[in-house]
Amino acid sequence: KHGDTGRSEYEALEALRSGKADAAAVGSSTWARMQESGVFGEGEIVSFWTSEGYCHCNFTALSSVAKEKLAAFEETLFAMDHNNPEIRKMMAMEGLNRWVKTGAEELKGYEALFAAMKRYDLLKSWLEA
């Protein structure tokens, strides 16, 4: 998505509809909204594969980032209260109720995505290292 979480999935589906793409990857919440809204006619688009669950919204940092900055960032994220209306709106846009700290175990869900990207030569060389 290259940082664009606002319209990119919808644009991918529009490319599918217009014939500019043969397939598109979208998150389950976007897929559900598209199905519920009736934007696409019955059977116009179909799901043919679903990955295992994974943490869709995550942050990573270079090892050169000061530990104090990382700690402050984590503290800010984890202090966000879903009961605050302004915070709730942002969290709802991301499809979450709270931030959680993840590790290698939670990243395992990405393996199928990386395998598919590698199969179709979509990985950048620095990811393959």
N, C-alpha and C. Protein backbone atom coordinates (compact mmCIF):
# COMPACT_ATOMS: atom_id res chain seq x y z
N LYS A 1 0.81 -1.20 0.00
CA LYS A 1 0.00 0.00 0.00
C LYS A 1 0.85 1.26 0.00
N HIS A 2 2.10 1.14 0.27
CA HIS A 2 3.01 2.28 0.26
C HIS A 2 2.52 3.42 1.15
N GLY A 3 1.98 3.10 2.32
CA GLY A 3 1.54 4.10 3.26
C GLY A 3 0.13 4.60 3.04
N ASP A 4 -0.52 4.19 1.97
CA ASP A 4 -1.88 4.65 1.69
C ASP A 4 -2.87 3.61 2.15
N THR A 5 -3.53 3.88 3.27
CA THR A 5 -4.54 2.94 3.73
C THR A 5 -5.94 3.45 3.45
N GLY A 6 -6.05 4.60 2.80
CA GLY A 6 -7.36 5.19 2.58
C GLY A 6 -8.13 4.59 1.41
N ARG A 7 -7.51 4.50 0.26
CA ARG A 7 -8.24 4.09 -0.95
C ARG A 7 -7.60 2.96 -1.73
N SER A 8 -6.42 2.55 -1.35
CA SER A 8 -5.68 1.63 -2.21
C SER A 8 -6.40 0.31 -2.47
N GLU A 9 -7.08 -0.24 -1.47
CA GLU A 9 -7.78 -1.50 -1.68
C GLU A 9 -8.97 -1.30 -2.63
N TYR A 10 -9.65 -0.19 -2.49
CA TYR A 10 -10.78 0.09 -3.39
C TYR A 10 -10.27 0.32 -4.82
N GLU A 11 -9.14 0.99 -4.95
CA GLU A 11 -8.56 1.20 -6.27
C GLU A 11 -8.14 -0.12 -6.90
N ALA A 12 -7.63 -1.03 -6.08
CA ALA A 12 -7.26 -2.36 -6.59
C ALA A 12 -8.49 -3.08 -7.11
N LEU A 13 -9.60 -2.98 -6.38
CA LEU A 13 -10.84 -3.63 -6.83
C LEU A 13 -11.40 -2.96 -8.07
N GLU A 14 -11.25 -1.65 -8.18
CA GLU A 14 -11.70 -0.95 -9.38
C GLU A 14 -10.86 -1.37 -10.59
N ALA A 15 -9.56 -1.59 -10.37
CA ALA A 15 -8.69 -2.08 -11.45
C ALA A 15 -9.15 -3.46 -11.90
N LEU A 16 -9.59 -4.25 -10.95
CA LEU A 16 -10.12 -5.57 -11.25
C LEU A 16 -11.39 -5.44 -12.09
N ARG A 17 -12.27 -4.57 -11.66
CA ARG A 17 -13.53 -4.38 -12.38
C ARG A 17 -13.30 -3.87 -13.80
N SER A 18 -12.35 -2.97 -13.97
CA SER A 18 -12.11 -2.36 -15.28
C SER A 18 -11.29 -3.25 -16.21
N GLY A 19 -10.77 -4.36 -15.68
CA GLY A 19 -9.97 -5.25 -16.50
C GLY A 19 -8.49 -4.91 -16.51
N LYS A 20 -8.08 -3.90 -15.74
CA LYS A 20 -6.66 -3.55 -15.66
C LYS A 20 -5.89 -4.55 -14.79
N ALA A 21 -6.61 -5.34 -14.01
CA ALA A 21 -5.97 -6.34 -13.15
C ALA A 21 -6.77 -7.63 -13.22
N ASP A 22 -6.08 -8.74 -13.03
CA ASP A 22 -6.74 -10.05 -13.02
C ASP A 22 -7.12 -10.49 -11.62
N ALA A 23 -6.45 -9.91 -10.62
CA ALA A 23 -6.72 -10.26 -9.22
C ALA A 23 -6.30 -9.08 -8.36
N ALA A 24 -6.84 -9.04 -7.16
CA ALA A 24 -6.49 -7.97 -6.22
C ALA A 24 -6.46 -8.54 -4.81
N ALA A 25 -5.59 -8.01 -4.00
CA ALA A 25 -5.51 -8.42 -2.60
C ALA A 25 -6.11 -7.33 -1.73
N VAL A 26 -7.05 -7.72 -0.89
CA VAL A 26 -7.68 -6.76 0.02
C VAL A 26 -7.82 -7.42 1.39
N GLY A 27 -7.89 -6.58 2.40
CA GLY A 27 -8.09 -7.09 3.75
C GLY A 27 -9.51 -7.59 3.96
N SER A 28 -9.67 -8.44 4.95
CA SER A 28 -10.99 -9.04 5.20
C SER A 28 -12.04 -8.00 5.56
N SER A 29 -11.65 -6.94 6.27
CA SER A 29 -12.64 -5.92 6.63
C SER A 29 -13.10 -5.15 5.39
N THR A 30 -12.18 -4.87 4.48
CA THR A 30 -12.56 -4.20 3.23
C THR A 30 -13.46 -5.12 2.41
N TRP A 31 -13.10 -6.39 2.33
CA TRP A 31 -13.90 -7.35 1.58
C TRP A 31 -15.32 -7.40 2.14
N ALA A 32 -15.44 -7.46 3.46
CA ALA A 32 -16.77 -7.53 4.08
C ALA A 32 -17.57 -6.27 3.77
N ARG A 33 -16.93 -5.10 3.86
CA ARG A 33 -17.64 -3.84 3.54
C ARG A 33 -18.09 -3.83 2.09
N MET A 34 -17.25 -4.31 1.18
CA MET A 34 -17.61 -4.32 -0.23
C MET A 34 -18.80 -5.26 -0.47
N GLN A 35 -18.80 -6.40 0.19
CA GLN A 35 -19.91 -7.34 0.04
C GLN A 35 -21.19 -6.75 0.61
N GLU A 36 -21.11 -6.14 1.79
CA GLU A 36 -22.29 -5.57 2.45
C GLU A 36 -22.86 -4.39 1.69
N SER A 37 -21.99 -3.59 1.09
CA SER A 37 -22.44 -2.36 0.43
C SER A 37 -23.10 -2.62 -0.92
N GLY A 38 -22.83 -3.77 -1.53
CA GLY A 38 -23.41 -4.06 -2.83
C GLY A 38 -22.80 -3.27 -3.96
N VAL A 39 -21.61 -2.70 -3.75
CA VAL A 39 -20.94 -1.94 -4.79
C VAL A 39 -20.69 -2.80 -6.02
N PHE A 40 -20.33 -4.04 -5.79
CA PHE A 40 -20.15 -4.99 -6.88
C PHE A 40 -21.37 -5.88 -6.92
N GLY A 41 -21.82 -6.19 -8.12
CA GLY A 41 -22.97 -7.06 -8.27
C GLY A 41 -22.69 -8.47 -7.80
N GLU A 42 -23.74 -9.20 -7.53
CA GLU A 42 -23.63 -10.59 -7.08
C GLU A 42 -22.76 -11.40 -8.05
N GLY A 43 -21.67 -11.98 -7.55
CA GLY A 43 -20.78 -12.80 -8.35
C GLY A 43 -19.84 -12.03 -9.25
N GLU A 44 -19.90 -10.68 -9.21
CA GLU A 44 -19.02 -9.89 -10.08
C GLU A 44 -17.55 -10.08 -9.69
N ILE A 45 -17.29 -10.16 -8.41
CA ILE A 45 -15.96 -10.51 -7.92
C ILE A 45 -16.12 -11.62 -6.89
N VAL A 46 -15.15 -12.50 -6.86
CA VAL A 46 -15.21 -13.62 -5.92
C VAL A 46 -13.86 -13.76 -5.22
N SER A 47 -13.92 -14.25 -4.01
CA SER A 47 -12.70 -14.55 -3.26
C SER A 47 -12.23 -15.94 -3.65
N PHE A 48 -10.95 -16.06 -4.00
CA PHE A 48 -10.43 -17.39 -4.38
C PHE A 48 -9.35 -17.87 -3.44
N TRP A 49 -8.91 -17.03 -2.48
CA TRP A 49 -7.90 -17.46 -1.52
C TRP A 49 -7.92 -16.53 -0.32
N THR A 50 -7.75 -17.09 0.85
CA THR A 50 -7.67 -16.31 2.08
C THR A 50 -6.44 -16.77 2.85
N SER A 51 -5.64 -15.81 3.23
CA SER A 51 -4.43 -16.14 3.99
C SER A 51 -4.80 -16.46 5.43
N GLU A 52 -3.86 -17.06 6.15
CA GLU A 52 -4.02 -17.21 7.58
C GLU A 52 -4.02 -15.81 8.19
N GLY A 53 -4.53 -15.70 9.40
CA GLY A 53 -4.53 -14.40 10.06
C GLY A 53 -3.12 -13.90 10.36
N TYR A 54 -2.96 -12.60 10.33
CA TYR A 54 -1.68 -11.98 10.66
C TYR A 54 -1.94 -10.56 11.13
N CYS A 55 -0.96 -9.96 11.74
CA CYS A 55 -1.07 -8.58 12.22
C CYS A 55 -0.95 -7.65 11.01
N HIS A 56 -2.06 -7.06 10.60
CA HIS A 56 -2.08 -6.28 9.36
C HIS A 56 -1.47 -4.90 9.51
N CYS A 57 -1.46 -4.36 10.69
CA CYS A 57 -1.00 -2.99 10.89
C CYS A 57 0.12 -3.04 11.92
N ASN A 58 1.34 -2.91 11.44
CA ASN A 58 2.46 -3.01 12.38
C ASN A 58 3.51 -1.97 12.06
N PHE A 59 4.35 -1.75 13.03
CA PHE A 59 5.42 -0.78 12.89
C PHE A 59 6.75 -1.49 13.12
N THR A 60 7.74 -1.14 12.35
CA THR A 60 9.09 -1.64 12.54
C THR A 60 10.03 -0.45 12.56
N ALA A 61 11.20 -0.66 13.13
CA ALA A 61 12.18 0.43 13.20
C ALA A 61 13.57 -0.12 12.92
N LEU A 62 14.40 0.72 12.38
CA LEU A 62 15.78 0.34 12.15
C LEU A 62 16.48 0.13 13.49
N SER A 63 17.47 -0.71 13.50
CA SER A 63 18.20 -0.97 14.74
C SER A 63 18.94 0.28 15.23
N SER A 64 19.11 1.27 14.37
CA SER A 64 19.80 2.50 14.76
C SER A 64 18.92 3.49 15.53
N VAL A 65 17.62 3.25 15.59
CA VAL A 65 16.72 4.16 16.32
C VAL A 65 16.98 4.01 17.82
N ALA A 66 17.10 5.15 18.49
CA ALA A 66 17.38 5.15 19.92
C ALA A 66 16.27 4.42 20.68
N LYS A 67 16.67 3.60 21.63
CA LYS A 67 15.71 2.82 22.43
C LYS A 67 14.73 3.73 23.16
N GLU A 68 15.16 4.92 23.56
CA GLU A 68 14.27 5.86 24.24
C GLU A 68 13.14 6.31 23.32
N LYS A 69 13.47 6.53 22.05
CA LYS A 69 12.44 6.93 21.08
C LYS A 69 11.45 5.80 20.85
N LEU A 70 11.97 4.59 20.75
CA LEU A 70 11.08 3.43 20.58
C LEU A 70 10.15 3.28 21.78
N ALA A 71 10.71 3.42 22.96
CA ALA A 71 9.91 3.30 24.18
C ALA A 71 8.83 4.37 24.23
N ALA A 72 9.17 5.59 23.87
CA ALA A 72 8.18 6.68 23.88
C ALA A 72 7.08 6.42 22.85
N PHE A 73 7.46 5.90 21.68
CA PHE A 73 6.48 5.60 20.65
C PHE A 73 5.53 4.50 21.13
N GLU A 74 6.09 3.43 21.70
CA GLU A 74 5.25 2.35 22.23
C GLU A 74 4.32 2.87 23.32
N GLU A 75 4.84 3.68 24.20
CA GLU A 75 4.02 4.22 25.28
C GLU A 75 2.85 5.02 24.73
N THR A 76 3.10 5.81 23.71
CA THR A 76 2.04 6.60 23.08
C THR A 76 0.98 5.69 22.46
N LEU A 77 1.42 4.69 21.71
CA LEU A 77 0.46 3.76 21.09
C LEU A 77 -0.39 3.04 22.13
N PHE A 78 0.29 2.45 23.12
CA PHE A 78 -0.41 1.61 24.09
C PHE A 78 -1.29 2.43 25.03
N ALA A 79 -1.07 3.74 25.09
CA ALA A 79 -1.90 4.61 25.93
C ALA A 79 -3.20 5.01 25.22
N MET A 80 -3.30 4.74 23.94
CA MET A 80 -4.51 5.12 23.19
C MET A 80 -5.71 4.36 23.75
N ASP A 81 -6.75 5.11 24.03
CA ASP A 81 -7.96 4.56 24.65
C ASP A 81 -9.10 4.53 23.64
N HIS A 82 -9.55 3.35 23.33
CA HIS A 82 -10.64 3.16 22.36
C HIS A 82 -11.91 3.87 22.80
N ASN A 83 -12.06 4.17 24.06
CA ASN A 83 -13.25 4.88 24.55
C ASN A 83 -13.22 6.37 24.25
N ASN A 84 -12.08 6.90 23.89
CA ASN A 84 -11.96 8.30 23.49
C ASN A 84 -12.50 8.41 22.06
N PRO A 85 -13.54 9.22 21.83
CA PRO A 85 -14.16 9.28 20.49
C PRO A 85 -13.19 9.60 19.36
N GLU A 86 -12.23 10.49 19.59
CA GLU A 86 -11.27 10.82 18.53
C GLU A 86 -10.35 9.64 18.24
N ILE A 87 -9.94 8.95 19.27
CA ILE A 87 -9.08 7.78 19.10
C ILE A 87 -9.88 6.64 18.48
N ARG A 88 -11.12 6.47 18.94
CA ARG A 88 -11.96 5.38 18.43
C ARG A 88 -12.13 5.48 16.92
N LYS A 89 -12.31 6.69 16.40
CA LYS A 89 -12.51 6.87 14.96
C LYS A 89 -11.28 6.37 14.20
N MET A 90 -10.09 6.75 14.65
CA MET A 90 -8.87 6.32 13.98
C MET A 90 -8.71 4.81 14.07
N MET A 91 -8.97 4.26 15.26
CA MET A 91 -8.83 2.82 15.43
C MET A 91 -9.84 2.06 14.58
N ALA A 92 -11.04 2.58 14.49
CA ALA A 92 -12.06 1.93 13.66
C ALA A 92 -11.62 1.91 12.19
N MET A 93 -10.97 2.98 11.76
CA MET A 93 -10.49 3.03 10.38
C MET A 93 -9.45 1.95 10.12
N GLU A 94 -8.71 1.57 11.14
CA GLU A 94 -7.71 0.51 11.02
C GLU A 94 -8.27 -0.86 11.39
N GLY A 95 -9.52 -0.90 11.84
CA GLY A 95 -10.14 -2.17 12.20
C GLY A 95 -9.60 -2.76 13.48
N LEU A 96 -9.27 -1.91 14.45
CA LEU A 96 -8.73 -2.42 15.71
C LEU A 96 -9.34 -1.71 16.91
N ASN A 97 -9.21 -2.36 18.06
CA ASN A 97 -9.68 -1.81 19.33
C ASN A 97 -8.54 -1.42 20.25
N ARG A 98 -7.37 -1.98 19.99
CA ARG A 98 -6.20 -1.67 20.81
C ARG A 98 -4.96 -2.09 20.04
N TRP A 99 -3.83 -1.53 20.44
CA TRP A 99 -2.55 -1.92 19.88
C TRP A 99 -1.97 -3.02 20.75
N VAL A 100 -1.29 -3.96 20.15
CA VAL A 100 -0.64 -5.02 20.90
C VAL A 100 0.80 -5.15 20.41
N LYS A 101 1.66 -5.56 21.31
CA LYS A 101 3.06 -5.79 20.94
C LYS A 101 3.15 -7.19 20.33
N THR A 102 3.80 -7.28 19.20
CA THR A 102 3.93 -8.56 18.53
C THR A 102 5.39 -8.97 18.46
N GLY A 103 5.59 -10.17 18.04
CA GLY A 103 6.94 -10.69 17.87
C GLY A 103 6.98 -11.62 16.69
N ALA A 104 8.00 -12.44 16.63
CA ALA A 104 8.19 -13.34 15.49
C ALA A 104 7.00 -14.28 15.28
N GLU A 105 6.37 -14.73 16.36
CA GLU A 105 5.24 -15.66 16.24
C GLU A 105 4.09 -15.04 15.45
N GLU A 106 3.78 -13.77 15.72
CA GLU A 106 2.68 -13.10 15.02
C GLU A 106 3.02 -12.81 13.57
N LEU A 107 4.28 -12.75 13.24
CA LEU A 107 4.68 -12.47 11.86
C LEU A 107 4.62 -13.70 10.97
N LYS A 108 4.39 -14.86 11.56
CA LYS A 108 4.32 -16.09 10.76
C LYS A 108 3.21 -16.03 9.72
N GLY A 109 2.16 -15.29 9.97
CA GLY A 109 1.07 -15.17 9.01
C GLY A 109 1.50 -14.54 7.70
N TYR A 110 2.63 -13.84 7.72
CA TYR A 110 3.13 -13.22 6.51
C TYR A 110 3.81 -14.22 5.57
N GLU A 111 4.14 -15.40 6.06
CA GLU A 111 4.88 -16.37 5.25
C GLU A 111 4.17 -16.70 3.95
N ALA A 112 2.86 -16.90 4.01
CA ALA A 112 2.11 -17.23 2.79
C ALA A 112 2.11 -16.04 1.83
N LEU A 113 2.03 -14.85 2.36
CA LEU A 113 2.05 -13.66 1.50
C LEU A 113 3.42 -13.52 0.83
N PHE A 114 4.49 -13.69 1.61
CA PHE A 114 5.82 -13.60 1.03
C PHE A 114 6.05 -14.69 -0.02
N ALA A 115 5.56 -15.89 0.25
CA ALA A 115 5.72 -16.99 -0.71
C ALA A 115 5.02 -16.65 -2.03
N ALA A 116 3.82 -16.10 -1.94
CA ALA A 116 3.09 -15.73 -3.15
C ALA A 116 3.81 -14.61 -3.90
N MET A 117 4.32 -13.64 -3.15
CA MET A 117 5.05 -12.54 -3.79
C MET A 117 6.32 -13.05 -4.46
N LYS A 118 7.01 -13.98 -3.79
CA LYS A 118 8.22 -14.53 -4.37
C LYS A 118 7.90 -15.34 -5.63
N ARG A 119 6.82 -16.11 -5.56
CA ARG A 119 6.41 -16.92 -6.71
C ARG A 119 6.19 -16.07 -7.95
N TYR A 120 5.61 -14.89 -7.75
CA TYR A 120 5.32 -14.01 -8.88
C TYR A 120 6.34 -12.89 -9.04
N ASP A 121 7.51 -13.09 -8.41
CA ASP A 121 8.65 -12.18 -8.54
C ASP A 121 8.27 -10.73 -8.16
N LEU A 122 7.57 -10.59 -7.04
CA LEU A 122 7.16 -9.28 -6.59
C LEU A 122 7.96 -8.76 -5.40
N LEU A 123 8.84 -9.59 -4.87
CA LEU A 123 9.66 -9.18 -3.73
C LEU A 123 10.85 -8.35 -4.17
N LYS A 124 11.16 -7.36 -3.42
CA LYS A 124 12.37 -6.57 -3.66
C LYS A 124 13.56 -7.42 -3.22
N SER A 125 14.70 -7.21 -3.83
CA SER A 125 15.88 -8.03 -3.51
C SER A 125 16.27 -7.93 -2.05
N TRP A 126 16.04 -6.79 -1.43
CA TRP A 126 16.42 -6.64 -0.01
C TRP A 126 15.52 -7.45 0.90
N LEU A 127 14.34 -7.83 0.49
CA LEU A 127 13.48 -8.67 1.30
C LEU A 127 13.88 -10.13 1.21
N GLU A 128 14.51 -10.51 0.10
CA GLU A 128 14.88 -11.89 -0.11
C GLU A 128 16.13 -12.31 0.67
N ALA A 129 16.89 -11.34 1.15
CA ALA A 129 18.14 -11.63 1.88
C ALA A 129 17.90 -12.37 3.17
